[in-house]
Amino acid sequence: MPLGNAVFKLAPEDFIVEECVSWHIDGAGEHDLLWIEKRDANTRWVADRLAEFAGCRPRDVGYAGLKDRHALTRQWFSVYRPGRVIDWSSFDAPGVTILETAAHQRKLRIGGLAGNRFTIILRSVTADSDALEARFKQLSSSGMPNYFGAQRFGREHANIALAQKLATRRRLKRTQQGFALSAARAAIFNEVLAQRVRAATWATPCAGDLLMLDGSQSFFAFDGETDRADIERRCAEADLHPTGPLWGEAGAVTAATIAALESKTADSLPLLRDATIAARASLQRRALRVVPQACAFRRVGGDVELAFTLPAGSFATVLLHELLQTQDASQRSNT
């Protein structure tokens, strides 16, 4: 239950995102790594400007993740420049600053992130600040439902519409097919998670679950009996998490009532289920719970500043919704 109301993204500086990476800079190679700060700019737009400046193909520019446009974000880009030296000091694009450059062996690929660090200022907060801080601390210790955020579904659910086209075998561009598949899987996952939240089983192990080790993609089957006390303890300590399906044709499957719940949910969304089949996606798993890390709560006059880190693929807006009924001022200004 939201504790009150708040507004965020009144200005790009109210929503700061900084990538956390697990890889190391090579210091040599045919790619330039660029650590870029962008303000009110789209990641793909920045990539296109880099390609134009470098005189290379857009596909020769890489990045590990898409970042919010209406924000102040810092992220890495790579630019392929075999046999050439590029003077990036003269690069100029509105809202874009190159903070650091280095040589690297490989192109950056989507998904090559450990996570993201967020610093968010909430304005016009109507909740009691002590109660808000207590709820925030609770999320930092026991975690929150790992829903996909609204961004995954596109403006006015445009990506869901693409998924429905994909399900009926209509031709889509490669990028559109990627958006369609991601949205279809996210919608099925969110509905499975919502049912387990209502049943109060989203953070507790059930017979038939596939349980994921925190901070990894490794998971194992739980039959409801073997090492039950230890499994329950580890889930309570957020060392293990129940998982939900990223729907597809084949892969590790749950059992018992959990399997029935997941199948019934997918069948209740036939066009989205069929979109994953049309894309020939394999069944994968995603943790139902995520625990924010390195959390900090600060009062800034009458506003509240939240700082926290989430693993790649988890959404800051989901955390905000666990605290407050929020309004995105950047969306309001674009309507």
Protein backbone atom coordinates (compact mmCIF):
# COMPACT_ATOMS: atom_id res chain seq x y z
CA MET A 1 0.00 0.00 0.00
CA PRO A 2 1.56 3.36 -1.03
CA LEU A 3 2.33 5.62 1.92
CA GLY A 4 1.46 8.82 0.05
CA ASN A 5 2.11 10.70 -3.17
CA ALA A 6 5.17 12.21 -4.81
CA VAL A 7 6.44 13.64 -8.08
CA PHE A 8 9.74 12.70 -9.70
CA LYS A 9 11.70 13.75 -12.81
CA LEU A 10 10.78 17.43 -12.53
CA ALA A 11 14.28 17.93 -13.96
CA PRO A 12 16.80 15.44 -15.41
CA GLU A 13 19.01 15.96 -12.34
CA ASP A 14 16.20 14.56 -10.18
CA PHE A 15 16.79 11.10 -11.69
CA ILE A 16 20.46 10.14 -11.90
CA VAL A 17 21.52 6.72 -13.21
CA GLU A 18 25.08 5.42 -13.35
CA GLU A 19 26.09 2.06 -14.79
CA CYS A 20 27.87 -0.51 -12.65
CA VAL A 21 29.96 -2.88 -14.75
CA SER A 22 31.73 -6.12 -13.90
CA TRP A 23 34.27 -6.04 -16.71
CA HIS A 24 37.67 -4.30 -16.80
CA ILE A 25 38.99 -1.85 -19.38
CA ASP A 26 41.55 -3.60 -21.58
CA GLY A 27 43.65 -0.50 -22.29
CA ALA A 28 44.36 -1.69 -25.84
CA GLY A 29 42.35 -2.77 -28.85
CA GLU A 30 40.43 -1.49 -31.87
CA HIS A 31 37.48 -0.09 -29.93
CA ASP A 32 37.30 3.22 -28.10
CA LEU A 33 35.46 3.04 -24.80
CA LEU A 34 33.66 6.28 -23.94
CA TRP A 35 32.33 7.05 -20.46
CA ILE A 36 29.53 9.48 -21.28
CA GLU A 37 27.24 11.68 -19.26
CA LYS A 38 24.02 12.50 -21.07
CA ARG A 39 21.25 14.83 -20.03
CA ASP A 40 17.76 14.55 -21.50
CA ALA A 41 19.10 12.40 -24.37
CA ASN A 42 18.17 8.97 -25.69
CA THR A 43 20.85 6.24 -25.68
CA ARG A 44 20.29 5.31 -29.33
CA TRP A 45 20.37 8.98 -30.36
CA VAL A 46 23.74 9.37 -28.63
CA ALA A 47 25.02 6.21 -30.36
CA ASP A 48 24.00 7.63 -33.75
CA ARG A 49 25.83 10.91 -33.02
CA LEU A 50 28.97 8.96 -32.06
CA ALA A 51 28.78 6.96 -35.30
CA GLU A 52 28.40 10.13 -37.36
CA PHE A 53 31.40 11.74 -35.68
CA ALA A 54 33.56 8.62 -36.02
CA GLY A 55 32.49 7.99 -39.62
CA CYS A 56 31.50 4.41 -38.85
CA ARG A 57 28.34 2.35 -39.19
CA PRO A 58 25.75 2.69 -36.40
CA ARG A 59 26.16 -1.04 -35.70
CA ASP A 60 29.84 -0.40 -34.89
CA VAL A 61 28.75 1.53 -31.79
CA GLY A 62 27.96 -0.59 -28.74
CA TYR A 63 26.45 -0.04 -25.31
CA ALA A 64 25.49 -2.33 -22.47
CA GLY A 65 22.05 -0.94 -21.67
CA LEU A 66 19.40 1.59 -22.63
CA LYS A 67 19.10 4.47 -20.20
CA ASP A 68 16.23 6.81 -19.46
CA ARG A 69 16.01 9.84 -21.71
CA HIS A 70 14.49 12.16 -19.11
CA ALA A 71 17.36 11.77 -16.67
CA LEU A 72 21.02 12.50 -16.05
CA THR A 73 22.78 9.25 -16.86
CA ARG A 74 26.35 8.01 -17.10
CA GLN A 75 27.11 4.98 -19.23
CA TRP A 76 29.75 3.34 -21.40
CA PHE A 77 29.73 3.27 -25.21
CA SER A 78 32.18 1.53 -27.51
CA VAL A 79 33.15 2.68 -31.03
CA TYR A 80 34.96 0.41 -33.50
CA ARG A 81 37.82 2.30 -35.18
CA PRO A 82 40.28 -0.24 -36.66
CA GLY A 83 43.61 1.32 -37.67
CA ARG A 84 42.42 4.85 -36.83
CA VAL A 85 42.81 7.39 -34.07
CA ILE A 86 39.78 9.53 -33.26
CA ASP A 87 40.12 12.87 -31.49
CA TRP A 88 37.06 12.80 -29.24
CA SER A 89 37.91 16.18 -27.67
CA SER A 90 36.06 17.93 -30.51
CA PHE A 91 32.90 15.82 -30.26
CA ASP A 92 29.85 18.00 -29.66
CA ALA A 93 26.24 16.97 -29.16
CA PRO A 94 23.53 18.68 -27.09
CA GLY A 95 23.38 17.33 -23.54
CA VAL A 96 26.30 14.93 -24.07
CA THR A 97 29.71 15.07 -22.35
CA ILE A 98 32.53 12.55 -22.80
CA LEU A 99 34.05 12.10 -19.34
CA GLU A 100 36.69 9.45 -20.09
CA THR A 101 38.13 7.51 -23.03
CA ALA A 102 40.08 4.25 -23.19
CA ALA A 103 41.00 1.52 -25.66
CA HIS A 104 39.22 -1.83 -25.51
CA GLN A 105 39.34 -5.19 -27.29
CA ARG A 106 35.61 -5.82 -27.71
CA LYS A 107 32.35 -4.15 -28.63
CA LEU A 108 29.97 -3.60 -25.73
CA ARG A 109 26.86 -5.76 -25.90
CA ILE A 110 23.40 -5.31 -24.45
CA GLY A 111 23.22 -6.99 -21.06
CA GLY A 112 26.88 -6.56 -20.16
CA LEU A 113 26.07 -4.83 -16.89
CA ALA A 114 26.27 -5.74 -13.24
CA GLY A 115 23.62 -3.17 -12.36
CA ASN A 116 22.75 0.51 -12.07
CA ARG A 117 23.18 3.06 -9.30
CA PHE A 118 20.20 5.41 -8.87
CA THR A 119 19.92 8.74 -7.09
CA ILE A 120 16.33 10.00 -7.19
CA ILE A 121 14.78 13.13 -5.71
CA LEU A 122 11.09 12.88 -4.84
CA ARG A 123 9.21 16.15 -4.66
CA SER A 124 5.81 17.16 -3.26
CA VAL A 125 5.97 14.14 -0.93
CA THR A 126 2.80 13.74 1.13
CA ALA A 127 3.93 10.72 3.17
CA ASP A 128 5.30 10.90 6.69
CA SER A 129 9.07 10.93 6.21
CA ASP A 130 9.77 8.61 9.15
CA ALA A 131 7.30 6.04 7.84
CA LEU A 132 8.79 6.42 4.35
CA GLU A 133 12.32 5.87 5.63
CA ALA A 134 11.20 2.81 7.60
CA ARG A 135 9.55 1.29 4.50
CA PHE A 136 12.66 2.02 2.43
CA LYS A 137 14.86 0.28 5.00
CA GLN A 138 12.50 -2.70 4.95
CA LEU A 139 12.88 -3.01 1.18
CA SER A 140 16.67 -2.86 1.55
CA SER A 141 16.64 -5.81 3.93
CA SER A 142 13.79 -8.08 2.80
CA GLY A 143 13.52 -7.07 -0.85
CA MET A 144 10.65 -6.22 -3.19
CA PRO A 145 8.70 -7.93 -5.99
CA ASN A 146 10.91 -7.94 -9.08
CA TYR A 147 8.28 -6.71 -11.53
CA PHE A 148 9.20 -5.45 -14.97
CA GLY A 149 8.56 -1.71 -15.13
CA ALA A 150 6.18 0.03 -17.50
CA GLN A 151 9.16 1.00 -19.70
CA ARG A 152 9.38 -2.59 -20.92
CA PHE A 153 5.95 -2.31 -22.53
CA GLY A 154 6.56 0.92 -24.44
CA ARG A 155 4.58 4.12 -24.60
CA GLU A 156 0.86 3.33 -24.54
CA HIS A 157 1.81 -0.39 -24.52
CA ALA A 158 3.14 -0.20 -28.07
CA ASN A 159 5.42 -3.20 -27.49
CA ILE A 160 2.45 -5.34 -26.43
CA ALA A 161 0.80 -4.46 -29.75
CA LEU A 162 3.97 -5.60 -31.50
CA ALA A 163 3.87 -8.86 -29.55
CA GLN A 164 0.32 -9.49 -30.72
CA LYS A 165 1.45 -8.95 -34.32
CA LEU A 166 4.34 -11.35 -33.76
CA ALA A 167 1.93 -13.97 -32.43
CA THR A 168 -0.07 -13.85 -35.67
CA ARG A 169 3.15 -14.29 -37.69
CA ARG A 170 3.13 -10.77 -39.10
CA ARG A 171 6.53 -9.61 -40.30
CA LEU A 172 8.41 -7.32 -37.94
CA LYS A 173 11.79 -5.64 -38.13
CA ARG A 174 14.49 -7.29 -36.01
CA THR A 175 14.43 -4.52 -33.40
CA GLN A 176 10.62 -4.66 -33.29
CA GLN A 177 10.73 -8.43 -32.78
CA GLY A 178 13.11 -7.94 -29.87
CA PHE A 179 10.79 -5.41 -28.24
CA ALA A 180 7.80 -7.67 -28.88
CA LEU A 181 9.40 -10.73 -27.32
CA SER A 182 10.65 -8.81 -24.28
CA ALA A 183 7.22 -7.30 -23.68
CA ALA A 184 5.40 -10.63 -24.06
CA ARG A 185 7.68 -12.40 -21.60
CA ALA A 186 7.57 -9.49 -19.17
CA ALA A 187 3.76 -9.42 -19.16
CA ILE A 188 3.48 -13.15 -18.46
CA PHE A 189 6.13 -12.92 -15.74
CA ASN A 190 4.44 -9.93 -14.10
CA GLU A 191 1.11 -11.74 -13.98
CA VAL A 192 2.68 -14.85 -12.41
CA LEU A 193 4.41 -12.61 -9.86
CA ALA A 194 1.19 -10.69 -9.13
CA GLN A 195 -0.61 -13.95 -8.36
CA ARG A 196 2.15 -15.03 -6.00
CA VAL A 197 2.14 -11.63 -4.30
CA ARG A 198 -1.60 -12.02 -3.71
CA ALA A 199 -0.97 -15.50 -2.32
CA ALA A 200 1.95 -14.22 -0.19
CA THR A 201 4.33 -16.80 -1.74
CA TRP A 202 6.52 -14.52 -3.86
CA ALA A 203 9.39 -14.61 -1.34
CA THR A 204 8.85 -18.03 0.24
CA PRO A 205 9.74 -21.44 -1.24
CA CYS A 206 6.95 -23.70 -2.47
CA ALA A 207 7.02 -27.31 -3.59
CA GLY A 208 7.84 -27.33 -7.30
CA ASP A 209 9.72 -24.03 -7.26
CA LEU A 210 12.96 -23.38 -9.07
CA LEU A 211 15.01 -21.37 -6.58
CA MET A 212 17.69 -18.92 -7.71
CA LEU A 213 20.86 -18.11 -5.80
CA ASP A 214 21.05 -14.38 -5.04
CA GLY A 215 23.33 -12.48 -7.41
CA SER A 216 23.50 -15.26 -9.98
CA GLN A 217 21.49 -17.01 -12.66
CA SER A 218 21.99 -20.42 -11.05
CA PHE A 219 18.86 -22.19 -9.83
CA PHE A 220 17.73 -25.60 -8.62
CA ALA A 221 14.48 -27.46 -8.08
CA PHE A 222 12.85 -27.58 -4.64
CA ASP A 223 10.56 -30.53 -3.94
CA GLY A 224 9.10 -29.02 -0.78
CA GLU A 225 10.74 -31.56 1.55
CA THR A 226 14.50 -31.89 1.01
CA ASP A 227 16.42 -29.60 3.38
CA ARG A 228 13.20 -27.65 3.91
CA ALA A 229 14.29 -25.85 7.09
CA ASP A 230 17.57 -24.74 5.51
CA ILE A 231 15.86 -23.65 2.28
CA GLU A 232 13.28 -21.62 4.21
CA ARG A 233 16.05 -19.99 6.26
CA ARG A 234 18.02 -19.05 3.16
CA CYS A 235 14.93 -17.58 1.50
CA ALA A 236 14.18 -15.59 4.65
CA GLU A 237 17.74 -14.24 4.54
CA ALA A 238 17.33 -13.39 0.81
CA ASP A 239 20.12 -15.78 -0.17
CA LEU A 240 17.64 -17.71 -2.33
CA HIS A 241 14.65 -16.44 -4.32
CA PRO A 242 11.70 -18.19 -5.96
CA THR A 243 11.67 -17.63 -9.71
CA GLY A 244 9.11 -16.95 -12.40
CA PRO A 245 9.11 -17.81 -16.11
CA LEU A 246 10.45 -15.84 -19.03
CA TRP A 247 8.19 -17.82 -21.28
CA GLY A 248 9.43 -19.96 -24.14
CA GLU A 249 9.30 -23.38 -25.75
CA ALA A 250 11.83 -25.43 -23.79
CA GLY A 251 13.87 -25.13 -20.64
CA ALA A 252 13.86 -25.94 -16.95
CA VAL A 253 10.30 -26.25 -15.69
CA THR A 254 8.64 -26.03 -12.32
CA ALA A 255 6.49 -28.80 -10.83
CA ALA A 256 3.34 -29.37 -8.79
CA THR A 257 1.05 -26.39 -8.16
CA ILE A 258 3.69 -23.87 -9.26
CA ALA A 259 3.85 -25.45 -12.72
CA ALA A 260 0.05 -25.41 -12.94
CA LEU A 261 -0.06 -21.73 -11.95
CA GLU A 262 2.53 -20.74 -14.55
CA SER A 263 0.92 -22.74 -17.36
CA LYS A 264 -2.54 -21.43 -16.53
CA THR A 265 -1.24 -17.86 -16.51
CA ALA A 266 0.45 -18.24 -19.91
CA ASP A 267 -2.67 -19.86 -21.34
CA SER A 268 -4.75 -16.91 -20.10
CA LEU A 269 -2.58 -14.64 -22.29
CA PRO A 270 -2.59 -16.69 -25.52
CA LEU A 271 -1.33 -13.99 -27.90
CA LEU A 272 1.61 -13.19 -25.66
CA ARG A 273 2.36 -16.89 -25.12
CA ASP A 274 2.20 -17.47 -28.88
CA ALA A 275 4.51 -14.50 -29.51
CA THR A 276 7.26 -16.25 -27.55
CA ILE A 277 6.68 -19.41 -29.56
CA ALA A 278 6.76 -17.49 -32.86
CA ALA A 279 10.10 -16.01 -31.80
CA ARG A 280 11.33 -19.52 -30.91
CA ALA A 281 12.43 -18.29 -27.50
CA SER A 282 13.66 -20.75 -24.90
CA LEU A 283 12.15 -20.82 -21.42
CA GLN A 284 14.29 -18.95 -18.89
CA ARG A 285 13.92 -17.95 -15.24
CA ARG A 286 13.93 -14.64 -13.38
CA ALA A 287 13.95 -14.09 -9.62
CA LEU A 288 10.58 -13.04 -8.22
CA ARG A 289 12.35 -10.89 -5.63
CA VAL A 290 15.14 -8.33 -5.81
CA VAL A 291 16.95 -6.71 -2.87
CA PRO A 292 18.18 -3.13 -3.38
CA GLN A 293 21.78 -2.60 -2.29
CA ALA A 294 23.77 0.32 -0.83
CA CYS A 295 20.59 2.15 0.15
CA ALA A 296 20.63 5.69 1.49
CA PHE A 297 17.74 7.93 2.56
CA ARG A 298 18.15 11.70 2.90
CA ARG A 299 15.77 14.56 3.53
CA VAL A 300 16.49 17.56 1.29
CA GLY A 301 14.38 20.42 2.59
CA GLY A 302 10.82 19.30 1.98
CA ASP A 303 11.93 16.68 -0.54
CA VAL A 304 13.38 13.19 -0.20
CA GLU A 305 16.48 11.78 -1.90
CA LEU A 306 16.80 8.03 -2.36
CA ALA A 307 20.01 6.31 -3.46
CA PHE A 308 20.26 2.60 -4.19
CA THR A 309 21.73 0.03 -6.57
CA LEU A 310 19.73 -2.57 -8.48
CA PRO A 311 21.00 -5.46 -10.61
CA ALA A 312 20.67 -5.17 -14.36
CA GLY A 313 17.11 -5.81 -15.50
CA SER A 314 15.42 -4.50 -12.34
CA PHE A 315 13.52 -1.23 -12.33
CA ALA A 316 13.84 1.81 -10.06
CA THR A 317 10.24 2.81 -10.80
CA VAL A 318 9.07 -0.49 -9.28
CA LEU A 319 10.85 0.41 -6.04
CA LEU A 320 9.21 3.86 -6.06
CA HIS A 321 5.78 2.26 -6.47
CA GLU A 322 6.43 0.12 -3.40
CA LEU A 323 6.76 3.34 -1.43
CA LEU A 324 4.47 5.93 -2.97
CA GLN A 325 1.92 6.72 -5.62
CA THR A 326 4.26 8.54 -7.98
CA GLN A 327 3.79 10.85 -10.93
CA ASP A 328 6.45 11.06 -13.62
CA ALA A 329 6.65 14.78 -14.42
CA SER A 330 8.55 14.12 -17.66
CA GLN A 331 5.61 12.13 -19.02
CA ARG A 332 3.15 14.79 -17.88
CA SER A 333 5.10 17.47 -19.73
CA ASN A 334 5.03 15.44 -22.97
CA THR A 335 1.25 14.97 -23.09
